Amino acid sequence: MSDIFSIAAGGIAAATNRFEASAKRVAQDPKADLGSEVVEQKLAGADVEANIAVLKTADKMTKSLLDILV
């Protein structure tokens, strides 16, 4: 189970980094392709949400397993 948590946490960190890089490009480059950057930011947000869902599911599975064993 700890692998699942670390993979999801890594996915959240990667998506956050992608979002931040896109935001910096928009802020620093007046000629940045805003359409592409909006898409990149939306995709990064969706990746964060998906990884959060994985964490919630893994947490529920762990709780269920502990309930069975205890």
Protein backbone atom coordinates (compact mmCIF):
# COMPACT_ATOMS: atom_id res chain seq x y z
CA MET A 1 0.00 0.00 0.00
CA SER A 2 2.80 2.44 0.74
CA ASP A 3 3.81 2.21 -2.94
CA ILE A 4 0.36 3.46 -3.93
CA PHE A 5 0.63 6.41 -1.57
CA SER A 6 4.11 7.36 -2.77
CA ILE A 7 3.16 7.04 -6.43
CA ALA A 8 0.07 9.23 -5.96
CA ALA A 9 2.07 11.79 -3.96
CA GLY A 10 4.67 11.85 -6.73
CA GLY A 11 1.93 12.37 -9.30
CA ILE A 12 0.55 15.29 -7.32
CA ALA A 13 4.02 16.84 -7.07
CA ALA A 14 4.67 16.41 -10.80
CA ALA A 15 1.31 17.93 -11.74
CA THR A 16 1.87 20.83 -9.36
CA ASN A 17 5.28 21.47 -10.92
CA ARG A 18 3.75 21.42 -14.42
CA PHE A 19 1.09 23.90 -13.32
CA GLU A 20 3.65 26.22 -11.73
CA ALA A 21 5.90 26.09 -14.81
CA SER A 22 2.94 27.00 -17.02
CA ALA A 23 1.96 29.86 -14.73
CA LYS A 24 5.53 31.21 -14.81
CA ARG A 25 5.59 31.07 -18.62
CA VAL A 26 2.35 33.06 -18.76
CA ALA A 27 3.58 35.62 -16.22
CA GLN A 28 7.02 36.10 -17.77
CA ASP A 29 6.39 35.83 -21.51
CA PRO A 30 3.94 38.35 -22.98
CA LYS A 31 3.87 36.29 -26.18
CA ALA A 32 3.04 33.01 -24.45
CA ASP A 33 0.39 30.87 -26.13
CA LEU A 34 -2.41 31.42 -23.62
CA GLY A 35 -4.61 28.73 -25.15
CA SER A 36 -1.96 26.05 -24.75
CA GLU A 37 -1.12 27.22 -21.25
CA VAL A 38 -4.77 27.10 -20.15
CA VAL A 39 -5.01 23.55 -21.48
CA GLU A 40 -1.78 22.61 -19.67
CA GLN A 41 -3.07 24.09 -16.41
CA LYS A 42 -6.43 22.30 -16.74
CA LEU A 43 -4.67 18.99 -17.41
CA ALA A 44 -2.39 19.50 -14.43
CA GLY A 45 -5.45 20.20 -12.27
CA ALA A 46 -7.14 17.04 -13.53
CA ASP A 47 -3.98 15.05 -12.75
CA VAL A 48 -3.98 16.38 -9.19
CA GLU A 49 -7.66 15.44 -8.77
CA ALA A 50 -7.04 11.94 -10.15
CA ASN A 51 -4.13 11.36 -7.78
CA ILE A 52 -6.19 12.62 -4.84
CA ALA A 53 -8.88 10.10 -5.80
CA VAL A 54 -6.23 7.36 -5.77
CA LEU A 55 -5.14 8.44 -2.29
CA LYS A 56 -8.73 8.41 -1.01
CA THR A 57 -9.37 4.97 -2.49
CA ALA A 58 -6.15 3.55 -1.05
CA ASP A 59 -7.06 5.01 2.34
CA LYS A 60 -10.49 3.36 2.22
CA MET A 61 -8.93 0.05 1.20
CA THR A 62 -6.44 0.24 4.06
CA LYS A 63 -9.23 1.00 6.53
CA SER A 64 -11.28 -1.93 5.22
CA LEU A 65 -8.31 -4.26 5.53
CA LEU A 66 -7.66 -3.13 9.09
CA ASP A 67 -11.33 -3.60 9.97
CA ILE A 68 -11.17 -7.17 8.67
CA LEU A 69 -7.95 -7.98 10.52
CA VAL A 70 -8.91 -6.41 13.85
